[in-house]
Amino acid sequence: MTDFFDSPEGRRIAYDHRPGKGPGVMFLHGLHSDMTGTKATALDAWAAETGRAFLRFDCSGHGQSSGVYAETSVAEWYQDARSVLLNLAEGPQILVGSSMGGWLALLLARECPEKVAGLVTIAAAADFTEDGYWASFSPDQQARLMEQGYLDLHHGGPVPYRISRKFIVDGRDHFVLRSPLSLPFPTRLLQGSEDRAVPPDWAVKLFHHASGPDIRLTMVKGADHNFSAPDNLVLITATIDEISPI
């Protein structure tokens, strides 16, 4: 059953908390997704079967949480994730972050290491606002975005996709790959070789950039960005069990 939490920033965050044994698992969804996605629901079913505590939520502007997507960015999404971790999670958590959620999980791991028992990222889109969107824009597009405050991208559909200046600028305030990144707990980076949204070499870059005593990268041949095929879902749960058996 979905519950709601009023964050210190005044946003109403939808979440689902399944009690159970710890360390609990906290799932962070990707961009334009929510806590009802395939990976989130599969993890919830696994948690119910194994008795593991499980916590999932919708970032503001996504799912059932308050806010309009176009008015939010990684700044708000990180605040949401931090508020959920500090106020709703019981004890240190195994953070499982998918795509954008992987970036948020890395931010939490850096800022709140005492609340992290382990980390599993799935196609982590670290710093994607800069290395994905901004890097793909022409100099003219970059100048137009900064001058007028937004840039409309046309991908053949009836409605253009708008990127705001806030989206880019807030991303720059939350980089994790431009300064040292210590991950002093078991860390597993999962990545599909056929991912077209988050290039596989981003996972390799993150693997080499982060420091820690127990960091491993698993590249799954043939897996795409969704990473939701049955064997992919089994790998995610097996990875959680491997770093934190109950």
Protein backbone atom coordinates (compact mmCIF):
# COMPACT_ATOMS: atom_id res chain seq x y z
CA MET A 1 0.00 0.00 0.00
CA THR A 2 1.34 3.43 -0.96
CA ASP A 3 2.02 5.86 1.87
CA PHE A 4 3.03 9.52 1.71
CA PHE A 5 5.79 11.43 3.44
CA ASP A 6 6.08 15.22 3.67
CA SER A 7 9.74 16.00 3.11
CA PRO A 8 11.56 18.82 4.94
CA GLU A 9 11.57 20.68 1.61
CA GLY A 10 7.76 20.62 1.52
CA ARG A 11 7.26 17.94 -1.13
CA ARG A 12 4.82 15.05 -0.76
CA ILE A 13 6.72 11.85 -1.52
CA ALA A 14 4.94 8.59 -2.31
CA TYR A 15 6.61 5.49 -0.91
CA ASP A 16 6.06 1.84 -0.07
CA HIS A 17 7.86 0.29 2.90
CA ARG A 18 7.81 -3.48 3.42
CA PRO A 19 9.00 -4.46 6.93
CA GLY A 20 11.46 -7.30 7.23
CA LYS A 21 14.94 -8.40 8.13
CA GLY A 22 17.90 -6.14 7.52
CA PRO A 23 19.92 -4.67 6.15
CA GLY A 24 16.94 -3.38 4.22
CA VAL A 25 17.01 -2.65 0.51
CA MET A 26 16.17 0.84 -0.76
CA PHE A 27 15.39 1.13 -4.48
CA LEU A 28 15.95 4.34 -6.46
CA HIS A 29 14.20 4.46 -9.84
CA GLY A 30 15.35 5.98 -13.10
CA LEU A 31 14.39 9.07 -15.08
CA HIS A 32 10.74 9.04 -16.25
CA SER A 33 10.15 5.88 -14.24
CA ASP A 34 8.75 5.31 -10.75
CA MET A 35 8.44 2.76 -7.98
CA THR A 36 5.98 0.64 -10.00
CA GLY A 37 8.56 -0.23 -12.67
CA THR A 38 9.55 -3.81 -13.46
CA LYS A 39 12.72 -3.87 -11.36
CA ALA A 40 11.05 -2.21 -8.37
CA THR A 41 8.08 -4.57 -8.36
CA ALA A 42 10.30 -7.61 -8.90
CA LEU A 43 12.44 -6.59 -5.93
CA ASP A 44 9.34 -6.07 -3.81
CA ALA A 45 8.11 -9.59 -4.64
CA TRP A 46 11.56 -11.00 -3.83
CA ALA A 47 11.62 -9.12 -0.53
CA ALA A 48 8.19 -10.49 0.38
CA GLU A 49 9.36 -14.02 -0.39
CA THR A 50 12.65 -13.77 1.50
CA GLY A 51 11.54 -11.60 4.42
CA ARG A 52 13.93 -8.77 3.55
CA ALA A 53 12.92 -5.20 4.42
CA PHE A 54 12.31 -3.16 1.26
CA LEU A 55 11.73 0.54 0.65
CA ARG A 56 10.87 2.21 -2.66
CA PHE A 57 9.61 5.70 -3.47
CA ASP A 58 8.78 8.13 -6.27
CA CYS A 59 11.03 11.13 -6.79
CA SER A 60 9.15 14.43 -7.04
CA GLY A 61 7.68 14.97 -10.50
CA HIS A 62 7.45 11.19 -10.96
CA GLY A 63 4.75 8.66 -10.17
CA GLN A 64 2.45 9.65 -7.32
CA SER A 65 4.76 12.17 -5.67
CA SER A 66 4.04 15.89 -5.85
CA GLY A 67 5.67 18.26 -8.29
CA VAL A 68 5.82 18.78 -12.03
CA TYR A 69 8.62 16.95 -13.80
CA ALA A 70 9.67 19.96 -15.90
CA GLU A 71 10.21 22.01 -12.73
CA THR A 72 12.40 19.42 -10.99
CA SER A 73 15.96 18.22 -11.45
CA VAL A 74 18.65 16.18 -9.75
CA ALA A 75 18.73 18.76 -6.93
CA GLU A 76 15.16 17.95 -5.87
CA TRP A 77 15.49 14.23 -6.60
CA TYR A 78 18.58 13.98 -4.40
CA GLN A 79 16.83 15.87 -1.60
CA ASP A 80 13.91 13.43 -1.89
CA ALA A 81 16.20 10.40 -1.76
CA ARG A 82 18.15 11.78 1.19
CA SER A 83 14.96 12.57 3.11
CA VAL A 84 13.61 9.06 2.52
CA LEU A 85 16.91 7.45 3.58
CA LEU A 86 17.27 9.53 6.75
CA ASN A 87 13.62 9.59 7.83
CA LEU A 88 12.03 6.35 6.63
CA ALA A 89 14.79 3.75 6.32
CA GLU A 90 15.55 1.68 9.40
CA GLY A 91 19.29 1.33 9.83
CA PRO A 92 21.92 1.14 7.07
CA GLN A 93 20.50 0.16 3.68
CA ILE A 94 21.57 -1.71 0.59
CA LEU A 95 21.05 1.02 -2.01
CA VAL A 96 19.92 -0.26 -5.41
CA GLY A 97 19.91 2.52 -8.00
CA SER A 98 18.81 2.21 -11.61
CA SER A 99 20.10 4.68 -14.23
CA MET A 100 19.38 8.13 -12.76
CA GLY A 101 18.72 6.32 -9.48
CA GLY A 102 22.29 5.05 -9.70
CA TRP A 103 23.53 8.65 -9.68
CA LEU A 104 21.32 9.42 -6.68
CA ALA A 105 22.59 6.31 -4.90
CA LEU A 106 26.18 7.41 -5.46
CA LEU A 107 25.37 10.84 -4.03
CA LEU A 108 23.81 9.21 -0.95
CA ALA A 109 26.80 6.90 -0.60
CA ARG A 110 29.14 9.89 -0.66
CA GLU A 111 27.15 12.11 1.67
CA CYS A 112 25.63 9.56 4.09
CA PRO A 113 28.04 6.60 4.20
CA GLU A 114 26.94 5.70 7.74
CA LYS A 115 23.49 4.86 6.30
CA VAL A 116 24.83 2.58 3.56
CA ALA A 117 25.49 -1.13 4.08
CA GLY A 118 26.15 -1.81 0.40
CA LEU A 119 25.58 -0.41 -3.07
CA VAL A 120 24.25 -1.95 -6.29
CA THR A 121 23.96 0.22 -9.37
CA ILE A 122 22.23 -0.78 -12.60
CA ALA A 123 23.44 1.22 -15.61
CA ALA A 124 24.32 4.11 -13.31
CA ALA A 125 23.82 7.39 -15.18
CA ALA A 126 26.33 9.38 -13.14
CA ASP A 127 26.62 13.04 -14.24
CA PHE A 128 24.35 12.31 -17.23
CA THR A 129 23.03 15.87 -17.46
CA GLU A 130 26.53 16.96 -18.51
CA ASP A 131 28.06 13.89 -20.15
CA GLY A 132 24.85 12.88 -21.90
CA TYR A 133 22.65 15.88 -22.67
CA TRP A 134 25.02 18.86 -22.57
CA ALA A 135 27.81 17.04 -24.41
CA SER A 136 25.39 16.15 -27.24
CA PHE A 137 24.34 19.76 -27.88
CA SER A 138 25.97 21.91 -30.51
CA PRO A 139 27.59 25.19 -29.40
CA ASP A 140 24.54 27.01 -30.77
CA GLN A 141 22.16 24.82 -28.78
CA GLN A 142 24.23 25.27 -25.64
CA ALA A 143 24.18 29.05 -26.01
CA ARG A 144 20.44 29.10 -26.73
CA LEU A 145 19.65 26.95 -23.70
CA MET A 146 21.63 29.18 -21.34
CA GLU A 147 20.27 32.41 -22.81
CA GLN A 148 16.55 31.59 -23.00
CA GLY A 149 16.44 29.10 -20.12
CA TYR A 150 15.38 26.04 -22.08
CA LEU A 151 15.97 24.03 -25.24
CA ASP A 152 13.27 22.10 -27.09
CA LEU A 153 14.46 18.85 -28.65
CA HIS A 154 12.45 17.40 -31.54
CA HIS A 155 12.53 13.63 -31.87
CA GLY A 156 9.78 13.16 -34.45
CA GLY A 157 6.89 13.15 -31.99
CA PRO A 158 4.12 15.76 -31.76
CA VAL A 159 5.49 17.29 -28.54
CA PRO A 160 9.11 18.45 -28.20
CA TYR A 161 11.19 17.32 -25.24
CA ARG A 162 12.24 20.36 -23.18
CA ILE A 163 15.57 20.60 -21.36
CA SER A 164 15.77 23.47 -18.88
CA ARG A 165 18.79 25.49 -17.82
CA LYS A 166 18.00 24.44 -14.24
CA PHE A 167 18.31 20.78 -15.29
CA ILE A 168 21.87 21.37 -16.53
CA VAL A 169 23.02 23.78 -13.83
CA ASP A 170 21.68 21.67 -10.96
CA GLY A 171 23.43 18.66 -12.44
CA ARG A 172 26.75 20.50 -12.21
CA ASP A 173 26.20 21.01 -8.49
CA HIS A 174 25.87 17.25 -7.98
CA PHE A 175 28.69 15.69 -10.00
CA VAL A 176 30.22 12.50 -8.60
CA LEU A 177 32.85 11.85 -11.28
CA ARG A 178 34.71 15.17 -11.05
CA SER A 179 36.14 14.66 -7.56
CA PRO A 180 37.23 11.69 -5.43
CA LEU A 181 34.46 9.17 -4.74
CA SER A 182 35.00 6.83 -1.81
CA LEU A 183 32.73 3.77 -1.55
CA PRO A 184 33.89 2.03 1.64
CA PHE A 185 31.31 -0.79 1.52
CA PRO A 186 30.57 -3.67 -0.89
CA THR A 187 29.78 -2.08 -4.24
CA ARG A 188 28.52 -3.84 -7.37
CA LEU A 189 28.14 -2.09 -10.71
CA LEU A 190 25.82 -3.92 -13.15
CA GLN A 191 25.76 -2.90 -16.82
CA GLY A 192 24.32 -4.25 -20.06
CA SER A 193 26.59 -4.40 -23.11
CA GLU A 194 23.72 -3.36 -25.42
CA ASP A 195 22.64 -0.33 -23.38
CA ARG A 196 21.88 2.54 -25.77
CA ALA A 197 20.91 5.08 -23.09
CA VAL A 198 23.90 4.73 -20.74
CA PRO A 199 27.00 3.70 -22.73
CA PRO A 200 28.81 0.70 -21.25
CA ASP A 201 32.03 2.72 -21.05
CA TRP A 202 30.35 4.95 -18.45
CA ALA A 203 30.27 1.95 -16.10
CA VAL A 204 33.95 1.32 -16.78
CA LYS A 205 34.72 4.98 -16.06
CA LEU A 206 32.82 4.80 -12.76
CA PHE A 207 34.61 1.55 -11.84
CA HIS A 208 38.03 3.14 -12.31
CA HIS A 209 37.06 6.46 -10.71
CA ALA A 210 35.60 5.14 -7.44
CA SER A 211 37.81 3.94 -4.63
CA GLY A 212 36.94 1.25 -2.11
CA PRO A 213 37.99 -2.15 -0.79
CA ASP A 214 35.28 -4.19 -2.54
CA ILE A 215 34.13 -2.82 -5.89
CA ARG A 216 33.21 -5.10 -8.79
CA LEU A 217 31.84 -4.43 -12.26
CA THR A 218 29.65 -7.00 -14.04
CA MET A 219 29.07 -6.47 -17.76
CA VAL A 220 26.16 -8.58 -19.03
CA LYS A 221 26.49 -9.37 -22.71
CA GLY A 222 23.28 -8.65 -24.63
CA ALA A 223 21.47 -6.84 -21.82
CA ASP A 224 19.88 -3.49 -22.68
CA HIS A 225 19.15 -0.41 -20.59
CA ASN A 226 15.96 -1.83 -19.09
CA PHE A 227 17.96 -4.67 -17.51
CA SER A 228 14.63 -6.33 -16.78
CA ALA A 229 14.84 -9.70 -18.53
CA PRO A 230 14.23 -12.59 -16.11
CA ASP A 231 17.92 -13.47 -15.86
CA ASN A 232 18.77 -9.80 -15.26
CA LEU A 233 16.32 -9.64 -12.36
CA VAL A 234 17.77 -12.83 -10.90
CA LEU A 235 21.24 -11.30 -11.14
CA ILE A 236 20.12 -8.21 -9.22
CA THR A 237 18.69 -10.18 -6.31
CA ALA A 238 21.63 -12.61 -6.30
CA THR A 239 23.99 -9.63 -6.15
CA ILE A 240 22.16 -8.21 -3.13
CA ASP A 241 22.29 -11.60 -1.41
CA GLU A 242 25.99 -11.93 -2.23
CA ILE A 243 26.99 -8.67 -0.58
CA SER A 244 24.51 -8.93 2.31
CA PRO A 245 23.07 -12.38 3.02
CA ILE A 246 20.28 -12.70 5.60
